[in-house]
Amino acid sequence: MKVQFYGTQKINVDERLINMYNRKQLGIEINSCIFSDDKSKDIDEAEFLREFIEFIETKGYNFGGGFPQVDEDGNYIK
């Protein structure tokens, strides 16, 4: 094992690589509602989902979650 000094800390190179691969990946949790600026227009759930997933995939991201439809009071639409 090759030993290197970083500032005042002595750490071996193999340990740095292990730490890099064992770290937890950071992501973004989305918790919000999206409505049209036009109060007379509803957002089509299928169209929104299609466009959202396209955006996610073009960025090389992954998405895990759901898309429940809600009214303006936050009540779930069945």
N, C-alpha and C. Protein backbone atom coordinates (compact mmCIF):
# COMPACT_ATOMS: atom_id res chain seq x y z
N MET A 1 0.83 -1.19 0.00
CA MET A 1 0.00 0.00 0.00
C MET A 1 0.87 1.24 0.00
N LYS A 2 0.58 2.16 -0.88
CA LYS A 2 1.31 3.41 -0.96
C LYS A 2 0.69 4.40 0.02
N VAL A 3 1.51 5.05 0.82
CA VAL A 3 1.02 6.01 1.81
C VAL A 3 1.30 7.41 1.30
N GLN A 4 0.30 8.28 1.37
CA GLN A 4 0.46 9.68 0.99
C GLN A 4 -0.05 10.56 2.11
N PHE A 5 0.43 11.79 2.13
CA PHE A 5 -0.02 12.75 3.14
C PHE A 5 -0.90 13.79 2.47
N TYR A 6 -2.04 14.05 3.08
CA TYR A 6 -2.96 15.08 2.63
C TYR A 6 -3.15 16.04 3.79
N GLY A 7 -2.51 17.20 3.70
CA GLY A 7 -2.53 18.14 4.83
C GLY A 7 -1.80 17.49 5.98
N THR A 8 -2.44 17.40 7.11
CA THR A 8 -1.82 16.77 8.28
C THR A 8 -2.29 15.33 8.46
N GLN A 9 -3.13 14.84 7.53
CA GLN A 9 -3.70 13.50 7.67
C GLN A 9 -2.94 12.51 6.79
N LYS A 10 -2.52 11.40 7.39
CA LYS A 10 -1.87 10.33 6.65
C LYS A 10 -2.94 9.31 6.27
N ILE A 11 -3.05 8.99 5.00
CA ILE A 11 -4.06 8.04 4.53
C ILE A 11 -3.46 7.24 3.38
N ASN A 12 -3.75 5.95 3.34
CA ASN A 12 -3.20 5.18 2.23
C ASN A 12 -4.11 5.31 1.02
N VAL A 13 -3.53 5.17 -0.16
CA VAL A 13 -4.25 5.37 -1.41
C VAL A 13 -5.40 4.38 -1.55
N ASP A 14 -5.17 3.12 -1.20
CA ASP A 14 -6.23 2.12 -1.31
C ASP A 14 -7.44 2.49 -0.45
N GLU A 15 -7.20 3.03 0.72
CA GLU A 15 -8.29 3.43 1.62
C GLU A 15 -9.08 4.58 1.00
N ARG A 16 -8.41 5.51 0.33
CA ARG A 16 -9.11 6.62 -0.34
C ARG A 16 -10.03 6.09 -1.43
N LEU A 17 -9.59 5.12 -2.20
CA LEU A 17 -10.42 4.55 -3.27
C LEU A 17 -11.62 3.82 -2.69
N ILE A 18 -11.40 3.08 -1.61
CA ILE A 18 -12.49 2.37 -0.95
C ILE A 18 -13.52 3.36 -0.44
N ASN A 19 -13.06 4.43 0.20
CA ASN A 19 -13.98 5.45 0.73
C ASN A 19 -14.77 6.11 -0.40
N MET A 20 -14.13 6.34 -1.55
CA MET A 20 -14.80 6.98 -2.67
C MET A 20 -15.93 6.10 -3.20
N TYR A 21 -15.71 4.79 -3.27
CA TYR A 21 -16.73 3.89 -3.81
C TYR A 21 -17.79 3.49 -2.79
N ASN A 22 -17.53 3.67 -1.51
CA ASN A 22 -18.49 3.30 -0.47
C ASN A 22 -19.36 4.46 -0.01
N ARG A 23 -19.11 5.64 -0.52
CA ARG A 23 -19.90 6.79 -0.08
C ARG A 23 -21.33 6.67 -0.60
N LYS A 24 -22.26 7.27 0.11
CA LYS A 24 -23.66 7.26 -0.31
C LYS A 24 -23.88 8.35 -1.36
N GLN A 25 -24.57 7.98 -2.42
CA GLN A 25 -24.88 8.93 -3.47
C GLN A 25 -25.94 9.91 -2.99
N LEU A 26 -25.78 11.17 -3.37
CA LEU A 26 -26.74 12.20 -3.01
C LEU A 26 -27.72 12.42 -4.14
N GLY A 27 -28.96 12.71 -3.82
CA GLY A 27 -30.00 12.97 -4.81
C GLY A 27 -30.91 14.08 -4.32
N ILE A 28 -31.99 14.29 -5.03
CA ILE A 28 -32.98 15.32 -4.72
C ILE A 28 -34.33 14.66 -4.50
N GLU A 29 -34.97 14.97 -3.39
CA GLU A 29 -36.34 14.51 -3.16
C GLU A 29 -37.28 15.64 -3.54
N ILE A 30 -38.25 15.34 -4.40
CA ILE A 30 -39.20 16.34 -4.85
C ILE A 30 -40.52 16.11 -4.12
N ASN A 31 -40.98 17.14 -3.43
CA ASN A 31 -42.25 17.06 -2.71
C ASN A 31 -43.00 18.36 -2.97
N SER A 32 -43.77 18.40 -4.04
CA SER A 32 -44.48 19.62 -4.41
C SER A 32 -45.62 19.30 -5.38
N CYS A 33 -46.36 20.32 -5.74
CA CYS A 33 -47.45 20.19 -6.72
C CYS A 33 -47.16 21.12 -7.89
N ILE A 34 -47.56 20.72 -9.07
CA ILE A 34 -47.36 21.53 -10.26
C ILE A 34 -48.72 21.80 -10.89
N PHE A 35 -48.99 23.08 -11.15
CA PHE A 35 -50.24 23.50 -11.77
C PHE A 35 -49.93 24.40 -12.96
N SER A 36 -50.86 24.50 -13.89
CA SER A 36 -50.75 25.40 -15.03
C SER A 36 -50.94 26.84 -14.57
N ASP A 37 -50.26 27.78 -15.22
CA ASP A 37 -50.50 29.20 -14.95
C ASP A 37 -51.92 29.60 -15.34
N ASP A 38 -52.47 28.90 -16.32
CA ASP A 38 -53.84 29.15 -16.80
C ASP A 38 -54.81 28.38 -15.89
N LYS A 39 -55.55 29.11 -15.05
CA LYS A 39 -56.44 28.48 -14.07
C LYS A 39 -57.52 27.61 -14.70
N SER A 40 -57.82 27.84 -15.99
CA SER A 40 -58.87 27.05 -16.64
C SER A 40 -58.31 25.78 -17.29
N LYS A 41 -57.00 25.57 -17.19
CA LYS A 41 -56.37 24.42 -17.84
C LYS A 41 -55.82 23.44 -16.80
N ASP A 42 -56.20 22.18 -16.94
CA ASP A 42 -55.64 21.12 -16.10
C ASP A 42 -54.39 20.56 -16.77
N ILE A 43 -53.49 20.04 -15.98
CA ILE A 43 -52.30 19.37 -16.53
C ILE A 43 -52.67 17.92 -16.80
N ASP A 44 -52.42 17.48 -18.03
CA ASP A 44 -52.67 16.09 -18.40
C ASP A 44 -51.59 15.22 -17.76
N GLU A 45 -52.01 14.28 -16.93
CA GLU A 45 -51.07 13.44 -16.18
C GLU A 45 -50.14 12.65 -17.10
N ALA A 46 -50.69 12.02 -18.15
CA ALA A 46 -49.87 11.21 -19.07
C ALA A 46 -48.86 12.08 -19.82
N GLU A 47 -49.30 13.25 -20.28
CA GLU A 47 -48.41 14.16 -21.00
C GLU A 47 -47.29 14.65 -20.09
N PHE A 48 -47.64 15.04 -18.86
CA PHE A 48 -46.63 15.51 -17.91
C PHE A 48 -45.60 14.42 -17.62
N LEU A 49 -46.09 13.21 -17.35
CA LEU A 49 -45.21 12.09 -17.04
C LEU A 49 -44.26 11.81 -18.20
N ARG A 50 -44.78 11.81 -19.42
CA ARG A 50 -43.96 11.57 -20.61
C ARG A 50 -42.85 12.62 -20.74
N GLU A 51 -43.21 13.88 -20.58
CA GLU A 51 -42.22 14.97 -20.70
C GLU A 51 -41.23 14.97 -19.54
N PHE A 52 -41.70 14.67 -18.34
CA PHE A 52 -40.82 14.62 -17.17
C PHE A 52 -39.78 13.51 -17.32
N ILE A 53 -40.24 12.32 -17.69
CA ILE A 53 -39.31 11.18 -17.87
C ILE A 53 -38.32 11.46 -18.99
N GLU A 54 -38.78 12.11 -20.06
CA GLU A 54 -37.87 12.47 -21.15
C GLU A 54 -36.77 13.41 -20.64
N PHE A 55 -37.16 14.40 -19.84
CA PHE A 55 -36.18 15.32 -19.24
C PHE A 55 -35.19 14.55 -18.37
N ILE A 56 -35.69 13.69 -17.50
CA ILE A 56 -34.85 12.91 -16.59
C ILE A 56 -33.84 12.08 -17.38
N GLU A 57 -34.32 11.38 -18.41
CA GLU A 57 -33.45 10.50 -19.20
C GLU A 57 -32.41 11.28 -20.00
N THR A 58 -32.76 12.46 -20.53
CA THR A 58 -31.77 13.24 -21.30
C THR A 58 -30.66 13.75 -20.41
N LYS A 59 -30.91 13.90 -19.13
CA LYS A 59 -29.89 14.33 -18.17
C LYS A 59 -29.07 13.17 -17.62
N GLY A 60 -29.47 11.93 -17.92
CA GLY A 60 -28.78 10.77 -17.39
C GLY A 60 -29.15 10.49 -15.94
N TYR A 61 -30.32 10.96 -15.52
CA TYR A 61 -30.78 10.75 -14.16
C TYR A 61 -31.72 9.55 -14.11
N ASN A 62 -32.05 9.12 -12.90
CA ASN A 62 -33.05 8.08 -12.66
C ASN A 62 -34.12 8.67 -11.76
N PHE A 63 -35.34 8.17 -11.89
CA PHE A 63 -36.45 8.63 -11.05
C PHE A 63 -37.15 7.43 -10.44
N GLY A 64 -37.41 7.51 -9.17
CA GLY A 64 -38.19 6.48 -8.49
C GLY A 64 -39.26 7.17 -7.67
N GLY A 65 -40.48 6.89 -7.94
CA GLY A 65 -41.55 7.54 -7.20
C GLY A 65 -42.84 7.47 -7.97
N GLY A 66 -43.80 8.25 -7.56
CA GLY A 66 -45.10 8.24 -8.21
C GLY A 66 -45.55 9.63 -8.60
N PHE A 67 -46.65 9.67 -9.31
CA PHE A 67 -47.22 10.92 -9.78
C PHE A 67 -48.72 10.96 -9.49
N PRO A 68 -49.11 11.04 -8.23
CA PRO A 68 -50.55 11.12 -7.98
C PRO A 68 -51.08 12.48 -8.42
N GLN A 69 -52.24 12.49 -9.02
CA GLN A 69 -52.85 13.73 -9.44
C GLN A 69 -53.61 14.32 -8.26
N VAL A 70 -53.53 15.65 -8.08
CA VAL A 70 -54.17 16.32 -6.96
C VAL A 70 -54.97 17.52 -7.47
N ASP A 71 -55.96 17.97 -6.64
CA ASP A 71 -56.65 19.20 -6.97
C ASP A 71 -55.92 20.37 -6.30
N GLU A 72 -56.42 21.58 -6.50
CA GLU A 72 -55.72 22.76 -5.98
C GLU A 72 -55.65 22.82 -4.46
N ASP A 73 -56.42 21.99 -3.78
CA ASP A 73 -56.34 21.92 -2.31
C ASP A 73 -55.41 20.82 -1.84
N GLY A 74 -54.82 20.11 -2.79
CA GLY A 74 -53.90 19.02 -2.44
C GLY A 74 -54.56 17.68 -2.22
N ASN A 75 -55.84 17.58 -2.53
CA ASN A 75 -56.56 16.31 -2.38
C ASN A 75 -56.25 15.40 -3.56
N TYR A 76 -55.98 14.13 -3.28
CA TYR A 76 -55.68 13.17 -4.34
C TYR A 76 -56.91 12.90 -5.20
N ILE A 77 -56.71 12.83 -6.51
CA ILE A 77 -57.76 12.50 -7.46
C ILE A 77 -57.64 11.03 -7.78
N LYS A 78 -58.73 10.30 -7.67
CA LYS A 78 -58.70 8.85 -7.91
C LYS A 78 -59.02 8.53 -9.34
